[in-house]
Amino acid sequence: YLGDGCCLCETATFRASLPFVRDDDVVYISYKNRAFVTPFVVCLDRLHNKIVISIRGSASIADFITDAMACPSSIYDFLKGISI
């Protein structure tokens, strides 16, 4: 779990908030939080056979700096570069 402190407080909070998410369903967690870097988690939803990406909302000054500098772009432009 990238960016969690030595006491793993962020991970403990994540587990307490979402007790139904099993450890083996968590693919990746990033707790890094600074300007232009946003905390997120990637989990598996085995019941619906889906991948869930959750991005934490604004909760710090760094988040608000990131929000203010946001440059929206079309998802279609992003998807054009991906070949399946």
C-alpha atoms as a PDB file:
ATOM      1  CA  TYR A   1       0.000   0.000   0.000  1.00  0.00           C
ATOM      2  CA  LEU A   2       1.862   2.927  -1.406  1.00  0.00           C
ATOM      3  CA  GLY A   3       2.246   6.017   0.759  1.00  0.00           C
ATOM      4  CA  ASP A   4       0.801   4.701   4.029  1.00  0.00           C
ATOM      5  CA  GLY A   5       2.763   5.652   7.127  1.00  0.00           C
ATOM      6  CA  CYS A   6       4.685   3.355   9.433  1.00  0.00           C
ATOM      7  CA  CYS A   7       1.576   2.636  11.534  1.00  0.00           C
ATOM      8  CA  LEU A   8      -0.621   1.782   8.511  1.00  0.00           C
ATOM      9  CA  CYS A   9      -3.359   4.147   9.777  1.00  0.00           C
ATOM     10  CA  GLU A  10      -4.683   4.814   6.265  1.00  0.00           C
ATOM     11  CA  THR A  11      -5.021   1.089   5.607  1.00  0.00           C
ATOM     12  CA  ALA A  12      -6.776   0.581   8.942  1.00  0.00           C
ATOM     13  CA  THR A  13      -9.244   3.350   8.058  1.00  0.00           C
ATOM     14  CA  PHE A  14      -9.840   1.838   4.616  1.00  0.00           C
ATOM     15  CA  ARG A  15     -10.540  -1.589   6.126  1.00  0.00           C
ATOM     16  CA  ALA A  16     -12.827  -0.159   8.833  1.00  0.00           C
ATOM     17  CA  SER A  17     -14.783   1.893   6.278  1.00  0.00           C
ATOM     18  CA  LEU A  18     -15.186  -0.976   3.801  1.00  0.00           C
ATOM     19  CA  PRO A  19     -15.249  -4.224   5.803  1.00  0.00           C
ATOM     20  CA  PHE A  20     -16.826  -6.133   2.894  1.00  0.00           C
ATOM     21  CA  VAL A  21     -13.716  -5.633   0.706  1.00  0.00           C
ATOM     22  CA  ARG A  22     -11.433  -8.625   1.140  1.00  0.00           C
ATOM     23  CA  ASP A  23      -7.654  -8.157   1.125  1.00  0.00           C
ATOM     24  CA  ASP A  24      -7.272 -10.268  -2.015  1.00  0.00           C
ATOM     25  CA  ASP A  25      -9.783  -8.008  -3.824  1.00  0.00           C
ATOM     26  CA  VAL A  26      -7.550  -4.956  -3.370  1.00  0.00           C
ATOM     27  CA  VAL A  27      -5.281  -4.727  -6.408  1.00  0.00           C
ATOM     28  CA  TYR A  28      -3.578  -1.421  -5.610  1.00  0.00           C
ATOM     29  CA  ILE A  29      -3.901   1.456  -3.154  1.00  0.00           C
ATOM     30  CA  SER A  30      -2.047   4.753  -3.314  1.00  0.00           C
ATOM     31  CA  TYR A  31      -2.344   7.084  -0.332  1.00  0.00           C
ATOM     32  CA  LYS A  32       0.068   9.613  -1.825  1.00  0.00           C
ATOM     33  CA  ASN A  33      -1.443  13.062  -1.545  1.00  0.00           C
ATOM     34  CA  ARG A  34       0.246  16.163  -2.867  1.00  0.00           C
ATOM     35  CA  ALA A  35      -0.316  18.634  -5.670  1.00  0.00           C
ATOM     36  CA  PHE A  36      -1.105  16.728  -8.899  1.00  0.00           C
ATOM     37  CA  VAL A  37      -1.083  13.347  -7.116  1.00  0.00           C
ATOM     38  CA  THR A  38      -4.448  12.045  -5.898  1.00  0.00           C
ATOM     39  CA  PRO A  39      -5.074   9.035  -3.611  1.00  0.00           C
ATOM     40  CA  PHE A  40      -6.918   6.156  -5.275  1.00  0.00           C
ATOM     41  CA  VAL A  41      -7.697   2.456  -4.961  1.00  0.00           C
ATOM     42  CA  VAL A  42      -8.198  -0.314  -7.514  1.00  0.00           C
ATOM     43  CA  CYS A  43     -10.363  -3.235  -6.348  1.00  0.00           C
ATOM     44  CA  LEU A  44     -12.034  -6.262  -7.861  1.00  0.00           C
ATOM     45  CA  ASP A  45     -15.794  -6.731  -7.691  1.00  0.00           C
ATOM     46  CA  ARG A  46     -15.978 -10.481  -8.083  1.00  0.00           C
ATOM     47  CA  LEU A  47     -19.761 -10.571  -7.769  1.00  0.00           C
ATOM     48  CA  HIS A  48     -20.244  -8.410 -10.875  1.00  0.00           C
ATOM     49  CA  ASN A  49     -16.957  -9.376 -12.540  1.00  0.00           C
ATOM     50  CA  LYS A  50     -15.789  -5.731 -12.662  1.00  0.00           C
ATOM     51  CA  ILE A  51     -12.746  -3.654 -11.809  1.00  0.00           C
ATOM     52  CA  VAL A  52     -13.511  -0.682  -9.546  1.00  0.00           C
ATOM     53  CA  ILE A  53     -11.303   2.415  -9.526  1.00  0.00           C
ATOM     54  CA  SER A  54     -12.109   4.870  -6.764  1.00  0.00           C
ATOM     55  CA  ILE A  55     -10.455   8.285  -6.564  1.00  0.00           C
ATOM     56  CA  ARG A  56     -10.688  10.176  -3.305  1.00  0.00           C
ATOM     57  CA  GLY A  57     -12.241  13.630  -3.459  1.00  0.00           C
ATOM     58  CA  SER A  58     -10.737  16.905  -2.317  1.00  0.00           C
ATOM     59  CA  ALA A  59      -9.696  16.831   1.330  1.00  0.00           C
ATOM     60  CA  SER A  60      -6.515  18.887   1.555  1.00  0.00           C
ATOM     61  CA  ILE A  61      -4.895  22.070   0.273  1.00  0.00           C
ATOM     62  CA  ALA A  62      -2.893  19.947  -2.190  1.00  0.00           C
ATOM     63  CA  ASP A  63      -6.162  18.524  -3.534  1.00  0.00           C
ATOM     64  CA  PHE A  64      -7.577  21.997  -4.092  1.00  0.00           C
ATOM     65  CA  ILE A  65      -4.419  23.026  -5.969  1.00  0.00           C
ATOM     66  CA  THR A  66      -4.823  19.952  -8.177  1.00  0.00           C
ATOM     67  CA  ASP A  67      -8.512  20.781  -8.710  1.00  0.00           C
ATOM     68  CA  ALA A  68      -7.741  24.394  -9.648  1.00  0.00           C
ATOM     69  CA  MET A  69      -5.145  23.298 -12.211  1.00  0.00           C
ATOM     70  CA  ALA A  70      -7.386  20.657 -13.778  1.00  0.00           C
ATOM     71  CA  CYS A  71      -7.408  20.551 -17.546  1.00  0.00           C
ATOM     72  CA  PRO A  72     -10.468  18.609 -18.699  1.00  0.00           C
ATOM     73  CA  SER A  73     -10.078  16.345 -21.706  1.00  0.00           C
ATOM     74  CA  SER A  74     -12.409  14.082 -23.586  1.00  0.00           C
ATOM     75  CA  ILE A  75     -12.528  10.436 -22.548  1.00  0.00           C
ATOM     76  CA  TYR A  76     -12.893   9.597 -26.226  1.00  0.00           C
ATOM     77  CA  ASP A  77      -9.478  11.117 -26.980  1.00  0.00           C
ATOM     78  CA  PHE A  78      -8.008   8.954 -24.235  1.00  0.00           C
ATOM     79  CA  LEU A  79      -9.712   5.794 -25.494  1.00  0.00           C
ATOM     80  CA  LYS A  80      -8.523   6.343 -29.075  1.00  0.00           C
ATOM     81  CA  GLY A  81      -4.983   5.588 -27.938  1.00  0.00           C
ATOM     82  CA  ILE A  82      -5.921   2.218 -26.441  1.00  0.00           C
ATOM     83  CA  SER A  83      -6.010  -0.855 -28.645  1.00  0.00           C
ATOM     84  CA  ILE A  84      -8.014  -3.862 -27.516  1.00  0.00           C
END
